[in-house]
Amino acid sequence: MERGAICAAALALAFAAAALGPVAVLAQDEAPQAPDTDNVAPTPPTRPSSLPAQPVPVTISPPPRTGADAAVPGWTPGKLLQLPPYTRARMHECALEWQQMKARGETTEKIWYTFAQTCLVR
């Protein structure tokens, strides 16, 4: 037999096997096993009938602003605060003044932002 004929026969056999699809020839004939129940997540417990069908929405109001937070009018949580334009040297002078005030204990009920607003424009 010629070499080309052997290749053609092998190719025809491969196509025929592919056309038949998976053949029911198994290496081991085993019965199908039951699904593994050890690795399955448990179901949640049943809801008691005494609870309402829909959960009641909870609204949380922000706490009242007191102390240093109340010193900044118009400020709300999450809102960025803008200081007036300033130079680096002026900011350093105000920072030193603020640190001296803190050391003397004069910054109670004050926050840096309100102090900086007045200090930077002087």
C-alpha atoms as a PDB file:
ATOM      1  CA  MET A   1       0.000   0.000   0.000  1.00  0.00           C
ATOM      2  CA  GLU A   2       1.162   3.393  -0.816  1.00  0.00           C
ATOM      3  CA  ARG A   3       2.030   5.965   1.839  1.00  0.00           C
ATOM      4  CA  GLY A   4      -0.560   8.521   0.608  1.00  0.00           C
ATOM      5  CA  ALA A   5      -3.286   5.879   0.704  1.00  0.00           C
ATOM      6  CA  ILE A   6      -2.475   5.032   4.313  1.00  0.00           C
ATOM      7  CA  CYS A   7      -2.718   8.683   5.329  1.00  0.00           C
ATOM      8  CA  ALA A   8      -6.015   9.042   3.488  1.00  0.00           C
ATOM      9  CA  ALA A   9      -7.414   5.948   5.197  1.00  0.00           C
ATOM     10  CA  ALA A  10      -6.330   7.200   8.611  1.00  0.00           C
ATOM     11  CA  LEU A  11      -7.870  10.597   7.913  1.00  0.00           C
ATOM     12  CA  ALA A  12     -11.133   9.004   6.779  1.00  0.00           C
ATOM     13  CA  LEU A  13     -11.223   6.887   9.928  1.00  0.00           C
ATOM     14  CA  ALA A  14     -10.665   9.986  12.119  1.00  0.00           C
ATOM     15  CA  PHE A  15     -13.499  11.863  10.376  1.00  0.00           C
ATOM     16  CA  ALA A  16     -15.826   8.880  10.758  1.00  0.00           C
ATOM     17  CA  ALA A  17     -15.090   8.669  14.478  1.00  0.00           C
ATOM     18  CA  ALA A  18     -15.721  12.393  14.888  1.00  0.00           C
ATOM     19  CA  ALA A  19     -19.014  12.141  13.010  1.00  0.00           C
ATOM     20  CA  LEU A  20     -20.277   9.391  15.297  1.00  0.00           C
ATOM     21  CA  GLY A  21     -19.767  11.587  18.368  1.00  0.00           C
ATOM     22  CA  PRO A  22     -18.781  10.313  21.751  1.00  0.00           C
ATOM     23  CA  VAL A  23     -18.768   6.572  21.826  1.00  0.00           C
ATOM     24  CA  ALA A  24     -20.147   4.802  24.874  1.00  0.00           C
ATOM     25  CA  VAL A  25     -16.854   3.100  25.575  1.00  0.00           C
ATOM     26  CA  LEU A  26     -15.829   3.835  29.120  1.00  0.00           C
ATOM     27  CA  ALA A  27     -12.639   2.858  30.790  1.00  0.00           C
ATOM     28  CA  GLN A  28     -14.614   1.849  33.858  1.00  0.00           C
ATOM     29  CA  ASP A  29     -18.250   0.987  33.871  1.00  0.00           C
ATOM     30  CA  GLU A  30     -19.586   2.579  37.056  1.00  0.00           C
ATOM     31  CA  ALA A  31     -23.044   3.431  38.199  1.00  0.00           C
ATOM     32  CA  PRO A  32     -23.682   7.178  38.456  1.00  0.00           C
ATOM     33  CA  GLN A  33     -23.032   8.452  41.946  1.00  0.00           C
ATOM     34  CA  ALA A  34     -25.364  10.588  44.018  1.00  0.00           C
ATOM     35  CA  PRO A  35     -24.387  14.268  44.285  1.00  0.00           C
ATOM     36  CA  ASP A  36     -22.044  15.145  47.128  1.00  0.00           C
ATOM     37  CA  THR A  37     -24.216  16.704  49.842  1.00  0.00           C
ATOM     38  CA  ASP A  38     -21.325  17.510  52.183  1.00  0.00           C
ATOM     39  CA  ASN A  39     -20.240  20.555  50.172  1.00  0.00           C
ATOM     40  CA  VAL A  40     -23.665  22.105  49.662  1.00  0.00           C
ATOM     41  CA  ALA A  41     -24.548  25.311  51.512  1.00  0.00           C
ATOM     42  CA  PRO A  42     -27.377  24.888  53.997  1.00  0.00           C
ATOM     43  CA  THR A  43     -30.663  26.627  53.342  1.00  0.00           C
ATOM     44  CA  PRO A  44     -31.576  29.576  55.561  1.00  0.00           C
ATOM     45  CA  PRO A  45     -34.019  29.008  58.414  1.00  0.00           C
ATOM     46  CA  THR A  46     -37.693  29.631  57.782  1.00  0.00           C
ATOM     47  CA  ARG A  47     -38.987  33.105  58.609  1.00  0.00           C
ATOM     48  CA  PRO A  48     -41.197  33.205  61.699  1.00  0.00           C
ATOM     49  CA  SER A  49     -44.785  34.151  60.960  1.00  0.00           C
ATOM     50  CA  SER A  50     -44.736  36.790  63.726  1.00  0.00           C
ATOM     51  CA  LEU A  51     -42.349  38.985  61.678  1.00  0.00           C
ATOM     52  CA  PRO A  52     -43.705  41.372  59.029  1.00  0.00           C
ATOM     53  CA  ALA A  53     -43.472  40.274  55.413  1.00  0.00           C
ATOM     54  CA  GLN A  54     -41.315  43.265  54.434  1.00  0.00           C
ATOM     55  CA  PRO A  55     -38.594  44.691  56.692  1.00  0.00           C
ATOM     56  CA  VAL A  56     -39.306  48.179  57.976  1.00  0.00           C
ATOM     57  CA  PRO A  57     -36.851  50.727  56.521  1.00  0.00           C
ATOM     58  CA  VAL A  58     -34.703  52.449  59.113  1.00  0.00           C
ATOM     59  CA  THR A  59     -33.776  56.089  58.630  1.00  0.00           C
ATOM     60  CA  ILE A  60     -30.869  57.468  60.565  1.00  0.00           C
ATOM     61  CA  SER A  61     -30.679  61.215  61.040  1.00  0.00           C
ATOM     62  CA  PRO A  62     -27.270  62.805  61.534  1.00  0.00           C
ATOM     63  CA  PRO A  63     -26.406  63.780  65.088  1.00  0.00           C
ATOM     64  CA  PRO A  64     -26.817  67.446  66.012  1.00  0.00           C
ATOM     65  CA  ARG A  65     -23.749  69.555  65.361  1.00  0.00           C
ATOM     66  CA  THR A  66     -22.160  70.775  68.553  1.00  0.00           C
ATOM     67  CA  GLY A  67     -18.823  72.163  69.612  1.00  0.00           C
ATOM     68  CA  ALA A  68     -16.222  72.755  66.937  1.00  0.00           C
ATOM     69  CA  ASP A  69     -18.392  71.341  64.116  1.00  0.00           C
ATOM     70  CA  ALA A  70     -21.067  73.970  64.729  1.00  0.00           C
ATOM     71  CA  ALA A  71     -18.457  76.726  64.301  1.00  0.00           C
ATOM     72  CA  VAL A  72     -18.391  76.307  60.504  1.00  0.00           C
ATOM     73  CA  PRO A  73     -21.614  77.687  59.012  1.00  0.00           C
ATOM     74  CA  GLY A  74     -22.861  75.989  55.868  1.00  0.00           C
ATOM     75  CA  TRP A  75     -20.694  72.922  56.318  1.00  0.00           C
ATOM     76  CA  THR A  76     -22.167  69.446  55.947  1.00  0.00           C
ATOM     77  CA  PRO A  77     -20.358  66.108  56.179  1.00  0.00           C
ATOM     78  CA  GLY A  78     -18.648  65.248  52.898  1.00  0.00           C
ATOM     79  CA  LYS A  79     -18.459  68.878  51.740  1.00  0.00           C
ATOM     80  CA  LEU A  80     -14.958  70.206  51.072  1.00  0.00           C
ATOM     81  CA  LEU A  81     -13.971  73.447  52.738  1.00  0.00           C
ATOM     82  CA  GLN A  82     -12.182  76.169  50.749  1.00  0.00           C
ATOM     83  CA  LEU A  83      -9.688  78.536  52.340  1.00  0.00           C
ATOM     84  CA  PRO A  84      -8.917  81.948  50.844  1.00  0.00           C
ATOM     85  CA  PRO A  85      -5.919  82.226  48.488  1.00  0.00           C
ATOM     86  CA  TYR A  86      -2.628  82.298  50.402  1.00  0.00           C
ATOM     87  CA  THR A  87       1.111  81.987  49.970  1.00  0.00           C
ATOM     88  CA  ARG A  88       3.179  79.195  51.407  1.00  0.00           C
ATOM     89  CA  ALA A  89       4.972  81.583  53.755  1.00  0.00           C
ATOM     90  CA  ARG A  90       1.674  82.990  55.082  1.00  0.00           C
ATOM     91  CA  MET A  91       0.315  79.480  55.671  1.00  0.00           C
ATOM     92  CA  HIS A  92       3.479  78.639  57.624  1.00  0.00           C
ATOM     93  CA  GLU A  93       3.082  81.763  59.793  1.00  0.00           C
ATOM     94  CA  CYS A  94      -0.555  80.900  60.544  1.00  0.00           C
ATOM     95  CA  ALA A  95       0.389  77.310  61.353  1.00  0.00           C
ATOM     96  CA  LEU A  96       3.034  78.451  63.834  1.00  0.00           C
ATOM     97  CA  GLU A  97       0.538  80.829  65.427  1.00  0.00           C
ATOM     98  CA  TRP A  98      -2.027  78.004  65.681  1.00  0.00           C
ATOM     99  CA  GLN A  99       0.518  75.682  67.324  1.00  0.00           C
ATOM    100  CA  GLN A 100       1.395  78.372  69.879  1.00  0.00           C
ATOM    101  CA  MET A 101      -2.304  78.895  70.632  1.00  0.00           C
ATOM    102  CA  LYS A 102      -2.727  75.130  71.109  1.00  0.00           C
ATOM    103  CA  ALA A 103       0.239  75.027  73.471  1.00  0.00           C
ATOM    104  CA  ARG A 104      -1.343  77.804  75.552  1.00  0.00           C
ATOM    105  CA  GLY A 105      -4.713  76.006  75.541  1.00  0.00           C
ATOM    106  CA  GLU A 106      -6.537  78.776  73.655  1.00  0.00           C
ATOM    107  CA  THR A 107      -7.957  76.538  70.928  1.00  0.00           C
ATOM    108  CA  THR A 108     -10.796  74.932  72.882  1.00  0.00           C
ATOM    109  CA  GLU A 109     -14.045  75.145  70.940  1.00  0.00           C
ATOM    110  CA  LYS A 110     -12.099  76.370  67.889  1.00  0.00           C
ATOM    111  CA  ILE A 111     -11.085  74.568  64.733  1.00  0.00           C
ATOM    112  CA  TRP A 112      -8.215  75.188  62.347  1.00  0.00           C
ATOM    113  CA  TYR A 113     -10.488  76.101  59.452  1.00  0.00           C
ATOM    114  CA  THR A 114     -12.157  79.070  61.174  1.00  0.00           C
ATOM    115  CA  PHE A 115      -8.808  80.275  62.531  1.00  0.00           C
ATOM    116  CA  ALA A 116      -7.164  79.961  59.103  1.00  0.00           C
ATOM    117  CA  GLN A 117      -9.949  81.946  57.427  1.00  0.00           C
ATOM    118  CA  THR A 118      -9.173  84.961  59.591  1.00  0.00           C
ATOM    119  CA  CYS A 119      -5.386  84.457  59.803  1.00  0.00           C
ATOM    120  CA  LEU A 120      -4.753  84.086  56.078  1.00  0.00           C
ATOM    121  CA  VAL A 121      -6.510  87.311  55.117  1.00  0.00           C
ATOM    122  CA  ARG A 122      -4.630  89.426  57.739  1.00  0.00           C
END
